mmCIF file of all heavy atoms, coordinates in Angstrom:
data_MODEL
# 
_entry.id   MODEL 
# 
loop_
_atom_site.group_PDB 
_atom_site.id 
_atom_site.type_symbol 
_atom_site.label_atom_id 
_atom_site.label_alt_id 
_atom_site.label_comp_id 
_atom_site.label_asym_id 
_atom_site.label_entity_id 
_atom_site.label_seq_id 
_atom_site.pdbx_PDB_ins_code 
_atom_site.Cartn_x 
_atom_site.Cartn_y 
_atom_site.Cartn_z 
_atom_site.occupancy 
_atom_site.B_iso_or_equiv 
_atom_site.pdbx_formal_charge 
_atom_site.auth_seq_id 
_atom_site.auth_comp_id 
_atom_site.auth_asym_id 
_atom_site.auth_atom_id 
_atom_site.pdbx_PDB_model_num 
ATOM 1   N N   . PHE A 1 1  ? -21.450 -21.281 -85.002 1.00 0.00 ? 1  PHE A N   1 
ATOM 2   C CA  . PHE A 1 1  ? -20.846 -19.809 -84.982 1.00 0.00 ? 1  PHE A CA  1 
ATOM 3   C C   . PHE A 1 1  ? -21.380 -19.012 -86.187 1.00 0.00 ? 1  PHE A C   1 
ATOM 4   O O   . PHE A 1 1  ? -21.750 -17.911 -85.919 1.00 0.00 ? 1  PHE A O   1 
ATOM 5   C CB  . PHE A 1 1  ? -19.289 -19.956 -85.034 1.00 0.00 ? 1  PHE A CB  1 
ATOM 6   C CG  . PHE A 1 1  ? -18.653 -18.608 -85.263 1.00 0.00 ? 1  PHE A CG  1 
ATOM 7   C CD1 . PHE A 1 1  ? -18.562 -17.711 -84.116 1.00 0.00 ? 1  PHE A CD1 1 
ATOM 8   C CD2 . PHE A 1 1  ? -18.149 -18.202 -86.530 1.00 0.00 ? 1  PHE A CD2 1 
ATOM 9   C CE1 . PHE A 1 1  ? -17.909 -16.439 -84.351 1.00 0.00 ? 1  PHE A CE1 1 
ATOM 10  C CE2 . PHE A 1 1  ? -17.530 -17.003 -86.686 1.00 0.00 ? 1  PHE A CE2 1 
ATOM 11  C CZ  . PHE A 1 1  ? -17.446 -16.062 -85.602 1.00 0.00 ? 1  PHE A CZ  1 
ATOM 12  N N   . TRP A 1 2  ? -21.293 -19.587 -87.370 1.00 0.00 ? 2  TRP A N   1 
ATOM 13  C CA  . TRP A 1 2  ? -21.750 -18.849 -88.511 1.00 0.00 ? 2  TRP A CA  1 
ATOM 14  C C   . TRP A 1 2  ? -23.242 -18.553 -88.479 1.00 0.00 ? 2  TRP A C   1 
ATOM 15  O O   . TRP A 1 2  ? -23.715 -17.496 -88.962 1.00 0.00 ? 2  TRP A O   1 
ATOM 16  C CB  . TRP A 1 2  ? -21.308 -19.482 -89.861 1.00 0.00 ? 2  TRP A CB  1 
ATOM 17  C CG  . TRP A 1 2  ? -19.801 -19.194 -89.976 1.00 0.00 ? 2  TRP A CG  1 
ATOM 18  C CD1 . TRP A 1 2  ? -18.803 -20.160 -89.819 1.00 0.00 ? 2  TRP A CD1 1 
ATOM 19  C CD2 . TRP A 1 2  ? -19.146 -17.915 -90.176 1.00 0.00 ? 2  TRP A CD2 1 
ATOM 20  N NE1 . TRP A 1 2  ? -17.642 -19.600 -89.969 1.00 0.00 ? 2  TRP A NE1 1 
ATOM 21  C CE2 . TRP A 1 2  ? -17.702 -18.261 -90.243 1.00 0.00 ? 2  TRP A CE2 1 
ATOM 22  C CE3 . TRP A 1 2  ? -19.626 -16.714 -90.391 1.00 0.00 ? 2  TRP A CE3 1 
ATOM 23  C CZ2 . TRP A 1 2  ? -16.751 -17.294 -90.408 1.00 0.00 ? 2  TRP A CZ2 1 
ATOM 24  C CZ3 . TRP A 1 2  ? -18.597 -15.750 -90.612 1.00 0.00 ? 2  TRP A CZ3 1 
ATOM 25  C CH2 . TRP A 1 2  ? -17.263 -16.038 -90.630 1.00 0.00 ? 2  TRP A CH2 1 
ATOM 26  N N   . ALA A 1 3  ? -24.037 -19.391 -87.891 1.00 0.00 ? 3  ALA A N   1 
ATOM 27  C CA  . ALA A 1 3  ? -25.482 -19.191 -87.725 1.00 0.00 ? 3  ALA A CA  1 
ATOM 28  C C   . ALA A 1 3  ? -25.657 -17.975 -86.699 1.00 0.00 ? 3  ALA A C   1 
ATOM 29  O O   . ALA A 1 3  ? -26.519 -17.177 -86.995 1.00 0.00 ? 3  ALA A O   1 
ATOM 30  C CB  . ALA A 1 3  ? -26.163 -20.412 -87.197 1.00 0.00 ? 3  ALA A CB  1 
ATOM 31  N N   . PHE A 1 4  ? -24.825 -17.954 -85.728 1.00 0.00 ? 4  PHE A N   1 
ATOM 32  C CA  . PHE A 1 4  ? -24.895 -16.819 -84.786 1.00 0.00 ? 4  PHE A CA  1 
ATOM 33  C C   . PHE A 1 4  ? -24.493 -15.465 -85.450 1.00 0.00 ? 4  PHE A C   1 
ATOM 34  O O   . PHE A 1 4  ? -25.118 -14.433 -85.257 1.00 0.00 ? 4  PHE A O   1 
ATOM 35  C CB  . PHE A 1 4  ? -23.939 -17.091 -83.540 1.00 0.00 ? 4  PHE A CB  1 
ATOM 36  C CG  . PHE A 1 4  ? -23.937 -16.052 -82.501 1.00 0.00 ? 4  PHE A CG  1 
ATOM 37  C CD1 . PHE A 1 4  ? -25.041 -15.931 -81.688 1.00 0.00 ? 4  PHE A CD1 1 
ATOM 38  C CD2 . PHE A 1 4  ? -22.876 -15.331 -82.352 1.00 0.00 ? 4  PHE A CD2 1 
ATOM 39  C CE1 . PHE A 1 4  ? -25.054 -14.956 -80.634 1.00 0.00 ? 4  PHE A CE1 1 
ATOM 40  C CE2 . PHE A 1 4  ? -22.847 -14.306 -81.363 1.00 0.00 ? 4  PHE A CE2 1 
ATOM 41  C CZ  . PHE A 1 4  ? -23.974 -14.175 -80.470 1.00 0.00 ? 4  PHE A CZ  1 
ATOM 42  N N   . VAL A 1 5  ? -23.470 -15.540 -86.272 1.00 0.00 ? 5  VAL A N   1 
ATOM 43  C CA  . VAL A 1 5  ? -22.993 -14.329 -86.977 1.00 0.00 ? 5  VAL A CA  1 
ATOM 44  C C   . VAL A 1 5  ? -24.188 -13.835 -87.859 1.00 0.00 ? 5  VAL A C   1 
ATOM 45  O O   . VAL A 1 5  ? -24.525 -12.633 -87.913 1.00 0.00 ? 5  VAL A O   1 
ATOM 46  C CB  . VAL A 1 5  ? -21.760 -14.536 -87.769 1.00 0.00 ? 5  VAL A CB  1 
ATOM 47  C CG1 . VAL A 1 5  ? -21.477 -13.448 -88.757 1.00 0.00 ? 5  VAL A CG1 1 
ATOM 48  C CG2 . VAL A 1 5  ? -20.585 -14.746 -86.866 1.00 0.00 ? 5  VAL A CG2 1 
ATOM 49  N N   . GLN A 1 6  ? -24.831 -14.868 -88.623 1.00 0.00 ? 6  GLN A N   1 
ATOM 50  C CA  . GLN A 1 6  ? -25.938 -14.440 -89.501 1.00 0.00 ? 6  GLN A CA  1 
ATOM 51  C C   . GLN A 1 6  ? -27.120 -13.902 -88.715 1.00 0.00 ? 6  GLN A C   1 
ATOM 52  O O   . GLN A 1 6  ? -27.687 -12.886 -89.197 1.00 0.00 ? 6  GLN A O   1 
ATOM 53  C CB  . GLN A 1 6  ? -26.353 -15.637 -90.262 1.00 0.00 ? 6  GLN A CB  1 
ATOM 54  C CG  . GLN A 1 6  ? -27.293 -15.301 -91.382 1.00 0.00 ? 6  GLN A CG  1 
ATOM 55  C CD  . GLN A 1 6  ? -26.776 -14.372 -92.365 1.00 0.00 ? 6  GLN A CD  1 
ATOM 56  O OE1 . GLN A 1 6  ? -25.641 -14.624 -92.978 1.00 0.00 ? 6  GLN A OE1 1 
ATOM 57  N NE2 . GLN A 1 6  ? -27.389 -13.263 -92.639 1.00 0.00 ? 6  GLN A NE2 1 
ATOM 58  N N   . GLU A 1 7  ? -27.378 -14.388 -87.574 1.00 0.00 ? 7  GLU A N   1 
ATOM 59  C CA  . GLU A 1 7  ? -28.415 -13.814 -86.648 1.00 0.00 ? 7  GLU A CA  1 
ATOM 60  C C   . GLU A 1 7  ? -28.064 -12.334 -86.449 1.00 0.00 ? 7  GLU A C   1 
ATOM 61  O O   . GLU A 1 7  ? -29.017 -11.463 -86.447 1.00 0.00 ? 7  GLU A O   1 
ATOM 62  C CB  . GLU A 1 7  ? -28.465 -14.487 -85.243 1.00 0.00 ? 7  GLU A CB  1 
ATOM 63  C CG  . GLU A 1 7  ? -29.599 -15.373 -85.077 1.00 0.00 ? 7  GLU A CG  1 
ATOM 64  C CD  . GLU A 1 7  ? -29.607 -15.958 -83.723 1.00 0.00 ? 7  GLU A CD  1 
ATOM 65  O OE1 . GLU A 1 7  ? -29.740 -15.192 -82.701 1.00 0.00 ? 7  GLU A OE1 1 
ATOM 66  O OE2 . GLU A 1 7  ? -29.284 -17.122 -83.560 1.00 0.00 ? 7  GLU A OE2 1 
ATOM 67  N N   . GLY A 1 8  ? -26.868 -12.010 -86.034 1.00 0.00 ? 8  GLY A N   1 
ATOM 68  C CA  . GLY A 1 8  ? -26.367 -10.581 -85.871 1.00 0.00 ? 8  GLY A CA  1 
ATOM 69  C C   . GLY A 1 8  ? -26.661 -9.742  -87.139 1.00 0.00 ? 8  GLY A C   1 
ATOM 70  O O   . GLY A 1 8  ? -27.062 -8.584  -87.045 1.00 0.00 ? 8  GLY A O   1 
ATOM 71  N N   . ILE A 1 9  ? -26.259 -10.311 -88.252 1.00 0.00 ? 9  ILE A N   1 
ATOM 72  C CA  . ILE A 1 9  ? -26.374 -9.595  -89.528 1.00 0.00 ? 9  ILE A CA  1 
ATOM 73  C C   . ILE A 1 9  ? -27.870 -9.295  -89.796 1.00 0.00 ? 9  ILE A C   1 
ATOM 74  O O   . ILE A 1 9  ? -28.171 -8.182  -90.219 1.00 0.00 ? 9  ILE A O   1 
ATOM 75  C CB  . ILE A 1 9  ? -25.689 -10.312 -90.682 1.00 0.00 ? 9  ILE A CB  1 
ATOM 76  C CG1 . ILE A 1 9  ? -24.143 -10.326 -90.454 1.00 0.00 ? 9  ILE A CG1 1 
ATOM 77  C CG2 . ILE A 1 9  ? -26.022 -9.781  -92.042 1.00 0.00 ? 9  ILE A CG2 1 
ATOM 78  C CD1 . ILE A 1 9  ? -23.425 -11.303 -91.403 1.00 0.00 ? 9  ILE A CD1 1 
ATOM 79  N N   . ASP A 1 10 ? -28.651 -10.364 -89.653 1.00 0.00 ? 10 ASP A N   1 
ATOM 80  C CA  . ASP A 1 10 ? -30.054 -10.206 -89.892 1.00 0.00 ? 10 ASP A CA  1 
ATOM 81  C C   . ASP A 1 10 ? -30.646 -9.110  -88.948 1.00 0.00 ? 10 ASP A C   1 
ATOM 82  O O   . ASP A 1 10 ? -31.501 -8.335  -89.399 1.00 0.00 ? 10 ASP A O   1 
ATOM 83  C CB  . ASP A 1 10 ? -30.805 -11.535 -89.720 1.00 0.00 ? 10 ASP A CB  1 
ATOM 84  C CG  . ASP A 1 10 ? -30.404 -12.553 -90.768 1.00 0.00 ? 10 ASP A CG  1 
ATOM 85  O OD1 . ASP A 1 10 ? -29.840 -12.107 -91.862 1.00 0.00 ? 10 ASP A OD1 1 
ATOM 86  O OD2 . ASP A 1 10 ? -30.683 -13.680 -90.622 1.00 0.00 ? 10 ASP A OD2 1 
ATOM 87  N N   . ALA A 1 11 ? -30.421 -9.130  -87.713 1.00 0.00 ? 11 ALA A N   1 
ATOM 88  C CA  . ALA A 1 11 ? -30.836 -8.189  -86.745 1.00 0.00 ? 11 ALA A CA  1 
ATOM 89  C C   . ALA A 1 11 ? -30.464 -6.693  -87.137 1.00 0.00 ? 11 ALA A C   1 
ATOM 90  O O   . ALA A 1 11 ? -31.227 -5.767  -87.162 1.00 0.00 ? 11 ALA A O   1 
ATOM 91  C CB  . ALA A 1 11 ? -30.341 -8.466  -85.290 1.00 0.00 ? 11 ALA A CB  1 
ATOM 92  N N   . ALA A 1 12 ? -29.088 -6.592  -87.614 1.00 0.00 ? 12 ALA A N   1 
ATOM 93  C CA  . ALA A 1 12 ? -28.698 -5.244  -87.992 1.00 0.00 ? 12 ALA A CA  1 
ATOM 94  C C   . ALA A 1 12 ? -29.462 -4.836  -89.207 1.00 0.00 ? 12 ALA A C   1 
ATOM 95  O O   . ALA A 1 12 ? -29.746 -3.699  -89.381 1.00 0.00 ? 12 ALA A O   1 
ATOM 96  C CB  . ALA A 1 12 ? -27.149 -5.350  -88.348 1.00 0.00 ? 12 ALA A CB  1 
ATOM 97  N N   . ASP A 1 13 ? -29.683 -5.714  -90.115 1.00 0.00 ? 13 ASP A N   1 
ATOM 98  C CA  . ASP A 1 13 ? -30.417 -5.371  -91.289 1.00 0.00 ? 13 ASP A CA  1 
ATOM 99  C C   . ASP A 1 13 ? -31.839 -4.924  -91.042 1.00 0.00 ? 13 ASP A C   1 
ATOM 100 O O   . ASP A 1 13 ? -32.387 -4.126  -91.685 1.00 0.00 ? 13 ASP A O   1 
ATOM 101 C CB  . ASP A 1 13 ? -30.500 -6.606  -92.349 1.00 0.00 ? 13 ASP A CB  1 
ATOM 102 C CG  . ASP A 1 13 ? -29.135 -6.834  -93.032 1.00 0.00 ? 13 ASP A CG  1 
ATOM 103 O OD1 . ASP A 1 13 ? -28.272 -6.004  -92.967 1.00 0.00 ? 13 ASP A OD1 1 
ATOM 104 O OD2 . ASP A 1 13 ? -29.023 -7.992  -93.519 1.00 0.00 ? 13 ASP A OD2 1 
ATOM 105 N N   . ARG A 1 14 ? -32.392 -5.427  -89.932 1.00 0.00 ? 14 ARG A N   1 
ATOM 106 C CA  . ARG A 1 14 ? -33.731 -5.010  -89.514 1.00 0.00 ? 14 ARG A CA  1 
ATOM 107 C C   . ARG A 1 14 ? -33.737 -3.710  -88.646 1.00 0.00 ? 14 ARG A C   1 
ATOM 108 O O   . ARG A 1 14 ? -34.770 -3.202  -88.212 1.00 0.00 ? 14 ARG A O   1 
ATOM 109 C CB  . ARG A 1 14 ? -34.362 -6.119  -88.670 1.00 0.00 ? 14 ARG A CB  1 
ATOM 110 C CG  . ARG A 1 14 ? -34.787 -7.314  -89.466 1.00 0.00 ? 14 ARG A CG  1 
ATOM 111 C CD  . ARG A 1 14 ? -35.622 -8.386  -88.470 1.00 0.00 ? 14 ARG A CD  1 
ATOM 112 N NE  . ARG A 1 14 ? -34.951 -8.756  -87.270 1.00 0.00 ? 14 ARG A NE  1 
ATOM 113 C CZ  . ARG A 1 14 ? -34.084 -9.847  -87.195 1.00 0.00 ? 14 ARG A CZ  1 
ATOM 114 N NH1 . ARG A 1 14 ? -33.976 -10.597 -88.243 1.00 0.00 ? 14 ARG A NH1 1 
ATOM 115 N NH2 . ARG A 1 14 ? -33.594 -10.078 -86.033 1.00 0.00 ? 14 ARG A NH2 1 
ATOM 116 N N   . GLY A 1 15 ? -32.465 -3.175  -88.439 1.00 0.00 ? 15 GLY A N   1 
ATOM 117 C CA  . GLY A 1 15 ? -32.412 -1.958  -87.706 1.00 0.00 ? 15 GLY A CA  1 
ATOM 118 C C   . GLY A 1 15 ? -32.260 -2.253  -86.183 1.00 0.00 ? 15 GLY A C   1 
ATOM 119 O O   . GLY A 1 15 ? -32.431 -1.173  -85.414 1.00 0.00 ? 15 GLY A O   1 
ATOM 120 N N   . GLU A 1 16 ? -32.149 -3.432  -85.729 1.00 0.00 ? 16 GLU A N   1 
ATOM 121 C CA  . GLU A 1 16 ? -32.136 -3.747  -84.290 1.00 0.00 ? 16 GLU A CA  1 
ATOM 122 C C   . GLU A 1 16 ? -30.660 -3.578  -83.765 1.00 0.00 ? 16 GLU A C   1 
ATOM 123 O O   . GLU A 1 16 ? -29.917 -4.528  -83.665 1.00 0.00 ? 16 GLU A O   1 
ATOM 124 C CB  . GLU A 1 16 ? -32.573 -5.123  -84.083 1.00 0.00 ? 16 GLU A CB  1 
ATOM 125 C CG  . GLU A 1 16 ? -34.007 -5.379  -84.458 1.00 0.00 ? 16 GLU A CG  1 
ATOM 126 C CD  . GLU A 1 16 ? -34.441 -6.890  -84.455 1.00 0.00 ? 16 GLU A CD  1 
ATOM 127 O OE1 . GLU A 1 16 ? -33.626 -7.705  -84.129 1.00 0.00 ? 16 GLU A OE1 1 
ATOM 128 O OE2 . GLU A 1 16 ? -35.495 -7.123  -84.820 1.00 0.00 ? 16 GLU A OE2 1 
ATOM 129 N N   . LEU A 1 17 ? -30.331 -2.294  -83.492 1.00 0.00 ? 17 LEU A N   1 
ATOM 130 C CA  . LEU A 1 17 ? -28.903 -1.999  -83.153 1.00 0.00 ? 17 LEU A CA  1 
ATOM 131 C C   . LEU A 1 17 ? -28.934 -1.291  -81.753 1.00 0.00 ? 17 LEU A C   1 
ATOM 132 O O   . LEU A 1 17 ? -29.900 -0.774  -81.382 1.00 0.00 ? 17 LEU A O   1 
ATOM 133 C CB  . LEU A 1 17 ? -28.368 -0.989  -84.223 1.00 0.00 ? 17 LEU A CB  1 
ATOM 134 C CG  . LEU A 1 17 ? -28.364 -1.545  -85.652 1.00 0.00 ? 17 LEU A CG  1 
ATOM 135 C CD1 . LEU A 1 17 ? -27.940 -0.475  -86.601 1.00 0.00 ? 17 LEU A CD1 1 
ATOM 136 C CD2 . LEU A 1 17 ? -27.448 -2.725  -85.814 1.00 0.00 ? 17 LEU A CD2 1 
ATOM 137 N N   . ILE A 1 18 ? -27.792 -1.466  -81.179 1.00 0.00 ? 18 ILE A N   1 
ATOM 138 C CA  . ILE A 1 18 ? -27.568 -0.755  -79.868 1.00 0.00 ? 18 ILE A CA  1 
ATOM 139 C C   . ILE A 1 18 ? -26.456 0.234   -80.087 1.00 0.00 ? 18 ILE A C   1 
ATOM 140 O O   . ILE A 1 18 ? -25.380 0.002   -80.648 1.00 0.00 ? 18 ILE A O   1 
ATOM 141 C CB  . ILE A 1 18 ? -27.089 -1.769  -78.779 1.00 0.00 ? 18 ILE A CB  1 
ATOM 142 C CG1 . ILE A 1 18 ? -28.204 -2.866  -78.598 1.00 0.00 ? 18 ILE A CG1 1 
ATOM 143 C CG2 . ILE A 1 18 ? -26.770 -1.119  -77.468 1.00 0.00 ? 18 ILE A CG2 1 
ATOM 144 C CD1 . ILE A 1 18 ? -27.820 -3.990  -77.736 1.00 0.00 ? 18 ILE A CD1 1 
ATOM 145 N N   . SER A 1 19 ? -26.678 1.477   -79.519 1.00 0.00 ? 19 SER A N   1 
ATOM 146 C CA  . SER A 1 19 ? -25.672 2.563   -79.757 1.00 0.00 ? 19 SER A CA  1 
ATOM 147 C C   . SER A 1 19 ? -24.529 2.285   -78.917 1.00 0.00 ? 19 SER A C   1 
ATOM 148 O O   . SER A 1 19 ? -24.480 1.499   -77.890 1.00 0.00 ? 19 SER A O   1 
ATOM 149 C CB  . SER A 1 19 ? -26.261 3.896   -79.422 1.00 0.00 ? 19 SER A CB  1 
ATOM 150 O OG  . SER A 1 19 ? -26.477 3.964   -77.958 1.00 0.00 ? 19 SER A OG  1 
ATOM 151 N N   . GLN A 1 20 ? -23.384 2.927   -79.199 1.00 0.00 ? 20 GLN A N   1 
ATOM 152 C CA  . GLN A 1 20 ? -22.173 2.784   -78.456 1.00 0.00 ? 20 GLN A CA  1 
ATOM 153 C C   . GLN A 1 20 ? -22.429 3.306   -76.992 1.00 0.00 ? 20 GLN A C   1 
ATOM 154 O O   . GLN A 1 20 ? -21.989 2.668   -76.019 1.00 0.00 ? 20 GLN A O   1 
ATOM 155 C CB  . GLN A 1 20 ? -21.116 3.681   -79.026 1.00 0.00 ? 20 GLN A CB  1 
ATOM 156 C CG  . GLN A 1 20 ? -19.706 3.591   -78.346 1.00 0.00 ? 20 GLN A CG  1 
ATOM 157 C CD  . GLN A 1 20 ? -19.111 2.224   -78.498 1.00 0.00 ? 20 GLN A CD  1 
ATOM 158 O OE1 . GLN A 1 20 ? -19.210 1.517   -79.468 1.00 0.00 ? 20 GLN A OE1 1 
ATOM 159 N NE2 . GLN A 1 20 ? -18.234 1.920   -77.484 1.00 0.00 ? 20 GLN A NE2 1 
ATOM 160 N N   . ASP A 1 21 ? -23.166 4.377   -76.789 1.00 0.00 ? 21 ASP A N   1 
ATOM 161 C CA  . ASP A 1 21 ? -23.457 4.903   -75.445 1.00 0.00 ? 21 ASP A CA  1 
ATOM 162 C C   . ASP A 1 21 ? -24.201 3.949   -74.650 1.00 0.00 ? 21 ASP A C   1 
ATOM 163 O O   . ASP A 1 21 ? -24.012 3.700   -73.459 1.00 0.00 ? 21 ASP A O   1 
ATOM 164 C CB  . ASP A 1 21 ? -24.174 6.292   -75.551 1.00 0.00 ? 21 ASP A CB  1 
ATOM 165 C CG  . ASP A 1 21 ? -23.278 7.370   -76.117 1.00 0.00 ? 21 ASP A CG  1 
ATOM 166 O OD1 . ASP A 1 21 ? -22.067 7.314   -76.019 1.00 0.00 ? 21 ASP A OD1 1 
ATOM 167 O OD2 . ASP A 1 21 ? -23.826 8.391   -76.568 1.00 0.00 ? 21 ASP A OD2 1 
ATOM 168 N N   . GLU A 1 22 ? -25.299 3.294   -75.307 1.00 0.00 ? 22 GLU A N   1 
ATOM 169 C CA  . GLU A 1 22 ? -26.106 2.355   -74.632 1.00 0.00 ? 22 GLU A CA  1 
ATOM 170 C C   . GLU A 1 22 ? -25.281 1.062   -74.126 1.00 0.00 ? 22 GLU A C   1 
ATOM 171 O O   . GLU A 1 22 ? -25.379 0.509   -73.077 1.00 0.00 ? 22 GLU A O   1 
ATOM 172 C CB  . GLU A 1 22 ? -27.259 1.848   -75.525 1.00 0.00 ? 22 GLU A CB  1 
ATOM 173 C CG  . GLU A 1 22 ? -28.366 2.835   -75.789 1.00 0.00 ? 22 GLU A CG  1 
ATOM 174 C CD  . GLU A 1 22 ? -29.319 2.406   -76.865 1.00 0.00 ? 22 GLU A CD  1 
ATOM 175 O OE1 . GLU A 1 22 ? -28.935 1.985   -77.916 1.00 0.00 ? 22 GLU A OE1 1 
ATOM 176 O OE2 . GLU A 1 22 ? -30.535 2.478   -76.472 1.00 0.00 ? 22 GLU A OE2 1 
ATOM 177 N N   . MET A 1 23 ? -24.340 0.671   -74.943 1.00 0.00 ? 23 MET A N   1 
ATOM 178 C CA  . MET A 1 23 ? -23.493 -0.471  -74.785 1.00 0.00 ? 23 MET A CA  1 
ATOM 179 C C   . MET A 1 23 ? -22.537 -0.119  -73.585 1.00 0.00 ? 23 MET A C   1 
ATOM 180 O O   . MET A 1 23 ? -22.369 -1.008  -72.646 1.00 0.00 ? 23 MET A O   1 
ATOM 181 C CB  . MET A 1 23 ? -22.711 -0.838  -76.093 1.00 0.00 ? 23 MET A CB  1 
ATOM 182 C CG  . MET A 1 23 ? -22.113 -2.268  -75.938 1.00 0.00 ? 23 MET A CG  1 
ATOM 183 S SD  . MET A 1 23 ? -23.386 -3.480  -75.753 1.00 0.00 ? 23 MET A SD  1 
ATOM 184 C CE  . MET A 1 23 ? -22.617 -4.599  -74.660 1.00 0.00 ? 23 MET A CE  1 
ATOM 185 N N   . GLU A 1 24 ? -21.918 1.036   -73.643 1.00 0.00 ? 24 GLU A N   1 
ATOM 186 C CA  . GLU A 1 24 ? -21.053 1.415   -72.622 1.00 0.00 ? 24 GLU A CA  1 
ATOM 187 C C   . GLU A 1 24 ? -21.859 1.569   -71.241 1.00 0.00 ? 24 GLU A C   1 
ATOM 188 O O   . GLU A 1 24 ? -21.259 1.147   -70.162 1.00 0.00 ? 24 GLU A O   1 
ATOM 189 C CB  . GLU A 1 24 ? -20.391 2.675   -72.933 1.00 0.00 ? 24 GLU A CB  1 
ATOM 190 C CG  . GLU A 1 24 ? -19.333 2.474   -74.027 1.00 0.00 ? 24 GLU A CG  1 
ATOM 191 C CD  . GLU A 1 24 ? -18.665 3.832   -74.479 1.00 0.00 ? 24 GLU A CD  1 
ATOM 192 O OE1 . GLU A 1 24 ? -18.926 4.965   -73.799 1.00 0.00 ? 24 GLU A OE1 1 
ATOM 193 O OE2 . GLU A 1 24 ? -17.871 3.756   -75.404 1.00 0.00 ? 24 GLU A OE2 1 
ATOM 194 N N   . ALA A 1 25 ? -22.931 2.089   -71.209 1.00 0.00 ? 25 ALA A N   1 
ATOM 195 C CA  . ALA A 1 25 ? -23.727 2.211   -70.005 1.00 0.00 ? 25 ALA A CA  1 
ATOM 196 C C   . ALA A 1 25 ? -24.155 0.768   -69.496 1.00 0.00 ? 25 ALA A C   1 
ATOM 197 O O   . ALA A 1 25 ? -24.061 0.497   -68.183 1.00 0.00 ? 25 ALA A O   1 
ATOM 198 C CB  . ALA A 1 25 ? -25.066 2.951   -70.277 1.00 0.00 ? 25 ALA A CB  1 
ATOM 199 N N   . TRP A 1 26 ? -24.499 -0.108  -70.344 1.00 0.00 ? 26 TRP A N   1 
ATOM 200 C CA  . TRP A 1 26 ? -24.751 -1.467  -69.924 1.00 0.00 ? 26 TRP A CA  1 
ATOM 201 C C   . TRP A 1 26 ? -23.584 -2.122  -69.340 1.00 0.00 ? 26 TRP A C   1 
ATOM 202 O O   . TRP A 1 26 ? -23.693 -2.757  -68.211 1.00 0.00 ? 26 TRP A O   1 
ATOM 203 C CB  . TRP A 1 26 ? -25.313 -2.382  -71.115 1.00 0.00 ? 26 TRP A CB  1 
ATOM 204 C CG  . TRP A 1 26 ? -25.584 -3.727  -70.808 1.00 0.00 ? 26 TRP A CG  1 
ATOM 205 C CD1 . TRP A 1 26 ? -26.607 -4.283  -70.273 1.00 0.00 ? 26 TRP A CD1 1 
ATOM 206 C CD2 . TRP A 1 26 ? -24.593 -4.784  -71.111 1.00 0.00 ? 26 TRP A CD2 1 
ATOM 207 N NE1 . TRP A 1 26 ? -26.431 -5.723  -70.059 1.00 0.00 ? 26 TRP A NE1 1 
ATOM 208 C CE2 . TRP A 1 26 ? -25.184 -5.993  -70.604 1.00 0.00 ? 26 TRP A CE2 1 
ATOM 209 C CE3 . TRP A 1 26 ? -23.335 -4.947  -71.581 1.00 0.00 ? 26 TRP A CE3 1 
ATOM 210 C CZ2 . TRP A 1 26 ? -24.649 -7.283  -70.738 1.00 0.00 ? 26 TRP A CZ2 1 
ATOM 211 C CZ3 . TRP A 1 26 ? -22.674 -6.101  -71.622 1.00 0.00 ? 26 TRP A CZ3 1 
ATOM 212 C CH2 . TRP A 1 26 ? -23.290 -7.238  -71.150 1.00 0.00 ? 26 TRP A CH2 1 
ATOM 213 N N   . PHE A 1 27 ? -22.444 -1.973  -70.028 1.00 0.00 ? 27 PHE A N   1 
ATOM 214 C CA  . PHE A 1 27 ? -21.205 -2.627  -69.542 1.00 0.00 ? 27 PHE A CA  1 
ATOM 215 C C   . PHE A 1 27 ? -20.847 -2.061  -68.174 1.00 0.00 ? 27 PHE A C   1 
ATOM 216 O O   . PHE A 1 27 ? -20.434 -2.710  -67.212 1.00 0.00 ? 27 PHE A O   1 
ATOM 217 C CB  . PHE A 1 27 ? -20.100 -2.397  -70.515 1.00 0.00 ? 27 PHE A CB  1 
ATOM 218 C CG  . PHE A 1 27 ? -18.745 -2.999  -70.034 1.00 0.00 ? 27 PHE A CG  1 
ATOM 219 C CD1 . PHE A 1 27 ? -18.632 -4.293  -70.216 1.00 0.00 ? 27 PHE A CD1 1 
ATOM 220 C CD2 . PHE A 1 27 ? -17.731 -2.234  -69.435 1.00 0.00 ? 27 PHE A CD2 1 
ATOM 221 C CE1 . PHE A 1 27 ? -17.428 -4.964  -69.778 1.00 0.00 ? 27 PHE A CE1 1 
ATOM 222 C CE2 . PHE A 1 27 ? -16.557 -2.805  -68.984 1.00 0.00 ? 27 PHE A CE2 1 
ATOM 223 C CZ  . PHE A 1 27 ? -16.363 -4.171  -69.231 1.00 0.00 ? 27 PHE A CZ  1 
# 
Protein backbone atom coordinates (compact mmCIF):
# COMPACT_ATOMS: atom_id res chain seq x y z
CA PHE A 1 0.00 0.00 0.00
CA TRP A 2 2.69 2.49 0.97
CA ALA A 3 4.71 1.67 -2.14
CA PHE A 4 1.57 2.44 -4.18
CA VAL A 5 1.09 5.73 -2.33
CA GLN A 6 4.72 6.64 -2.99
CA GLU A 7 4.21 5.88 -6.69
CA GLY A 8 1.41 8.44 -6.75
CA ILE A 9 3.49 11.01 -4.90
CA ASP A 10 6.39 10.48 -7.28
CA ALA A 11 4.08 10.82 -10.32
CA ALA A 12 2.62 14.03 -8.90
CA ASP A 13 6.12 15.37 -8.25
CA ARG A 14 6.90 14.73 -11.94
CA GLY A 15 3.78 16.68 -12.92
CA GLU A 16 1.88 13.61 -14.09
CA LEU A 17 -1.52 14.78 -12.95
CA ILE A 18 -5.09 14.41 -14.21
CA SER A 19 -7.42 17.40 -13.95
CA GLN A 20 -10.74 17.19 -12.16
CA ASP A 21 -12.56 17.68 -15.48
CA GLU A 22 -10.62 14.86 -17.15
CA MET A 23 -11.33 12.54 -14.23
CA GLU A 24 -15.03 13.34 -14.23
CA ALA A 25 -15.25 12.76 -18.01
CA TRP A 26 -13.46 9.41 -17.63
CA PHE A 27 -15.78 8.38 -14.81
